[in-house]
N, C-alpha and C. Protein backbone atom coordinates (compact mmCIF):
# COMPACT_ATOMS: atom_id res chain seq x y z
N MET A 1 0.73 -1.02 0.44
CA MET A 1 0.27 -0.28 -0.25
C MET A 1 0.54 1.22 0.12
N ARG A 2 1.78 1.67 0.78
CA ARG A 2 2.83 2.34 0.56
C ARG A 2 3.14 2.85 -0.73
N ILE A 3 3.69 1.41 -1.46
CA ILE A 3 5.06 1.44 -2.38
C ILE A 3 3.88 2.41 -3.22
N PHE A 4 2.09 1.74 -3.00
CA PHE A 4 1.16 2.79 -3.85
C PHE A 4 1.03 3.75 -4.25
N MET A 5 1.57 4.26 -2.96
CA MET A 5 1.35 5.99 -2.50
C MET A 5 1.71 6.69 -3.44
N VAL A 6 3.56 5.89 -3.15
CA VAL A 6 4.46 6.80 -2.93
C VAL A 6 4.53 7.08 -4.56
N MET A 7 4.39 6.01 -6.17
CA MET A 7 3.96 6.01 -7.39
C MET A 7 2.91 6.75 -7.14
N ILE A 8 1.84 7.16 -6.55
CA ILE A 8 0.88 7.69 -6.84
C ILE A 8 1.62 8.85 -7.36
N LEU A 9 2.34 9.25 -5.77
CA LEU A 9 2.85 10.83 -5.29
C LEU A 9 3.60 11.39 -6.52
N MET A 10 4.66 10.39 -6.63
CA MET A 10 5.73 10.84 -7.86
C MET A 10 5.00 10.46 -9.41
N ALA A 11 4.11 10.18 -9.99
CA ALA A 11 3.27 10.12 -10.86
C ALA A 11 2.55 11.77 -10.76
N GLY A 12 2.16 12.50 -9.83
CA GLY A 12 1.20 13.40 -9.71
C GLY A 12 2.25 15.53 -9.64
N LEU A 13 3.53 14.42 -9.60
CA LEU A 13 4.75 15.14 -9.11
C LEU A 13 5.26 15.70 -11.38
N ALA A 14 5.40 13.85 -11.32
CA ALA A 14 6.45 13.76 -13.28
C ALA A 14 4.96 15.06 -13.95
N GLY A 15 3.85 15.10 -13.48
CA GLY A 15 2.38 15.55 -14.45
C GLY A 15 2.76 17.48 -14.60
N CYS A 16 3.90 17.94 -13.66
CA CYS A 16 3.43 19.02 -12.91
C CYS A 16 5.03 19.60 -14.00
N GLN A 17 5.99 19.12 -13.88
CA GLN A 17 7.62 19.50 -14.23
C GLN A 17 7.31 20.94 -15.52
N SER A 18 6.44 20.32 -16.61
CA SER A 18 6.36 20.92 -17.35
C SER A 18 5.79 22.05 -17.82
N LEU A 19 4.99 23.05 -16.41
CA LEU A 19 4.53 24.41 -16.90
C LEU A 19 5.40 25.78 -17.44
N GLY A 20 4.29 25.63 -17.97
CA GLY A 20 5.34 27.48 -18.95
C GLY A 20 5.73 27.40 -20.46
N VAL A 21 6.01 28.29 -21.22
CA VAL A 21 6.03 27.83 -22.23
C VAL A 21 7.51 28.10 -22.30
N LYS A 22 7.81 27.85 -23.57
CA LYS A 22 9.55 27.35 -23.89
C LYS A 22 9.70 27.94 -24.91
N PRO A 23 11.26 29.20 -25.33
CA PRO A 23 11.19 30.15 -25.82
C PRO A 23 11.18 29.57 -26.92
N TRP A 24 11.56 28.63 -27.53
CA TRP A 24 11.26 27.99 -29.09
C TRP A 24 9.52 28.21 -30.01
N GLU A 25 8.80 28.02 -28.39
CA GLU A 25 7.49 27.99 -28.07
C GLU A 25 6.33 29.62 -28.60
N ARG A 26 7.42 30.18 -28.36
CA ARG A 26 6.91 31.89 -28.15
C ARG A 26 7.04 32.21 -29.24
N ASP A 27 7.65 31.96 -30.46
CA ASP A 27 7.37 32.45 -31.60
C ASP A 27 5.72 33.55 -31.95
N LEU A 28 4.96 32.39 -32.06
CA LEU A 28 4.41 33.29 -32.57
C LEU A 28 3.29 33.98 -31.89
N LEU A 29 3.95 34.13 -30.67
CA LEU A 29 3.18 34.63 -29.30
C LEU A 29 3.60 36.01 -29.97
N ALA A 30 5.52 35.99 -29.91
CA ALA A 30 5.86 37.70 -30.31
C ALA A 30 5.78 38.33 -31.69
N LYS A 31 4.63 37.28 -32.55
CA LYS A 31 4.24 38.67 -33.82
C LYS A 31 3.73 39.95 -33.56
N ASP A 32 4.23 40.91 -33.85
CA ASP A 32 3.26 42.29 -33.61
C ASP A 32 2.19 41.99 -33.45
N THR A 33 1.20 41.53 -34.13
CA THR A 33 -0.43 41.23 -34.76
C THR A 33 -0.53 40.27 -33.56
N MET A 34 0.52 39.54 -32.26
CA MET A 34 -0.18 38.87 -31.27
C MET A 34 -0.42 39.81 -29.78
N VAL A 35 0.75 41.47 -30.45
CA VAL A 35 0.89 42.22 -29.28
C VAL A 35 -0.60 42.84 -28.82
N PRO A 36 -0.82 42.84 -27.53
CA PRO A 36 -2.33 43.74 -27.53
C PRO A 36 -2.24 45.23 -27.67
N GLY A 37 -3.12 46.41 -28.02
CA GLY A 37 -2.53 47.17 -28.26
C GLY A 37 -1.29 47.75 -29.82
N LYS A 38 -0.88 47.19 -30.43
CA LYS A 38 0.33 47.43 -31.23
C LYS A 38 -0.51 46.77 -32.87
N ALA A 39 -1.48 47.70 -32.86
CA ALA A 39 -2.33 47.56 -34.15
C ALA A 39 -2.15 48.40 -34.83
N ASN A 40 -1.92 48.10 -36.19
CA ASN A 40 -2.00 49.14 -37.20
C ASN A 40 -2.58 50.18 -37.58
N GLY A 41 -2.67 51.10 -38.33
CA GLY A 41 -3.88 52.03 -38.42
C GLY A 41 -4.98 51.60 -38.30
N LEU A 42 -5.04 50.76 -39.88
CA LEU A 42 -5.88 50.54 -39.97
C LEU A 42 -7.15 49.66 -38.91
N ASP A 43 -6.77 48.78 -38.06
CA ASP A 43 -6.99 48.26 -37.40
C ASP A 43 -7.89 49.15 -35.95
N ASP A 44 -6.76 50.08 -36.16
CA ASP A 44 -7.43 51.60 -34.83
C ASP A 44 -8.57 51.92 -35.73
N ALA A 45 -8.72 52.44 -36.82
CA ALA A 45 -9.74 53.47 -37.25
C ALA A 45 -11.16 52.11 -37.33
N PHE A 46 -10.80 51.07 -37.94
CA PHE A 46 -11.77 49.59 -38.02
C PHE A 46 -12.34 49.75 -36.12
N ASP A 47 -11.31 49.77 -35.22
CA ASP A 47 -11.99 49.55 -34.12
C ASP A 47 -12.75 50.51 -33.15
N ASP A 48 -12.43 52.42 -33.69
CA ASP A 48 -13.53 53.41 -33.78
C ASP A 48 -14.40 52.90 -34.71
N HIS A 49 -14.63 52.86 -35.19
CA HIS A 49 -16.04 52.90 -36.11
C HIS A 49 -17.31 51.83 -35.88
N ILE A 50 -16.46 51.04 -35.03
CA ILE A 50 -17.52 50.12 -34.47
C ILE A 50 -17.64 50.36 -33.27
N TYR A 51 -16.94 50.96 -32.15
CA TYR A 51 -17.03 51.61 -31.00
C TYR A 51 -17.60 53.30 -30.79
N PHE A 52 -17.52 54.06 -32.09
CA PHE A 52 -19.02 54.50 -31.97
C PHE A 52 -20.21 54.62 -32.99
N SER A 53 -19.98 53.50 -33.79
CA SER A 53 -21.69 53.66 -34.25
C SER A 53 -22.43 52.44 -33.08
N LYS A 54 -21.83 51.89 -31.76
CA LYS A 54 -22.78 51.20 -30.87
C LYS A 54 -22.95 52.15 -30.12
N GLU A 55 -21.88 53.31 -30.11
CA GLU A 55 -22.17 53.91 -28.91
C GLU A 55 -23.09 55.68 -29.11
N GLY A 56 -22.82 55.41 -30.35
CA GLY A 56 -24.10 56.95 -31.27
C GLY A 56 -23.04 58.14 -31.41
N SER A 57 -21.52 58.50 -30.75
CA SER A 57 -21.42 59.27 -30.71
C SER A 57 -20.58 59.68 -31.95
N SER A 58 -19.99 60.80 -31.23
CA SER A 58 -18.62 61.44 -32.43
C SER A 58 -17.38 61.34 -31.30
N GLY A 59 -16.38 61.91 -32.19
CA GLY A 59 -15.09 62.52 -31.77
C GLY A 59 -14.65 61.61 -30.89
N GLY A 60 -14.18 62.21 -29.75
CA GLY A 60 -12.96 61.21 -29.20
C GLY A 60 -13.96 60.28 -27.77
N ARG A 61 -12.95 59.40 -27.35
CA ARG A 61 -14.10 58.48 -26.51
C ARG A 61 -14.18 59.06 -25.20
N GLY A 62 -13.75 60.29 -24.50
CA GLY A 62 -14.18 61.13 -23.93
C GLY A 62 -15.66 61.83 -23.84
N PHE A 63 -15.16 62.45 -25.58
CA PHE A 63 -16.96 63.22 -25.11
C PHE A 63 -18.40 62.97 -25.57
N GLY A 64 -18.80 62.86 -24.39
CA GLY A 64 -20.01 62.72 -23.80
C GLY A 64 -21.24 62.58 -25.58
N GLY A 65 -21.76 61.30 -26.16
CA GLY A 65 -22.95 61.11 -27.05
C GLY A 65 -24.27 60.81 -26.47
N GLY A 66 -24.60 59.98 -27.62
CA GLY A 66 -26.24 59.48 -27.08
C GLY A 66 -26.69 59.30 -28.26
N GLY A 67 -28.09 58.51 -28.04
CA GLY A 67 -28.42 58.01 -29.26
C GLY A 67 -28.35 55.82 -28.63
N CYS A 68 -29.48 55.62 -30.24
CA CYS A 68 -28.65 54.27 -29.67
C CYS A 68 -27.95 53.69 -31.01
N GLY A 69 -27.39 54.48 -31.97
CA GLY A 69 -26.61 54.45 -33.20
C GLY A 69 -27.29 54.00 -34.02
N CYS A 70 -28.40 54.22 -34.22
CA CYS A 70 -29.28 53.65 -35.66
C CYS A 70 -28.72 54.18 -36.30
N ASN A 71 -29.31 53.88 -37.72
CA ASN A 71 -29.65 54.79 -38.99
C ASN A 71 -30.23 55.00 -39.58
């Protein structure tokens, strides 16, 4: 019984040894398109269009607007 418990404990510890992302696995996450907030100008304009269409406002994000955004 004791040997069985030790084997279960060792198997449980072995399952936790590969935590984290290795440097060679980070290549897709390191691309500029995957970095939040580093979009190009076209993406920013598209995001603003969606935001202001839903808000029914115009101008900066701090500008107060109203309406439902319907056309």
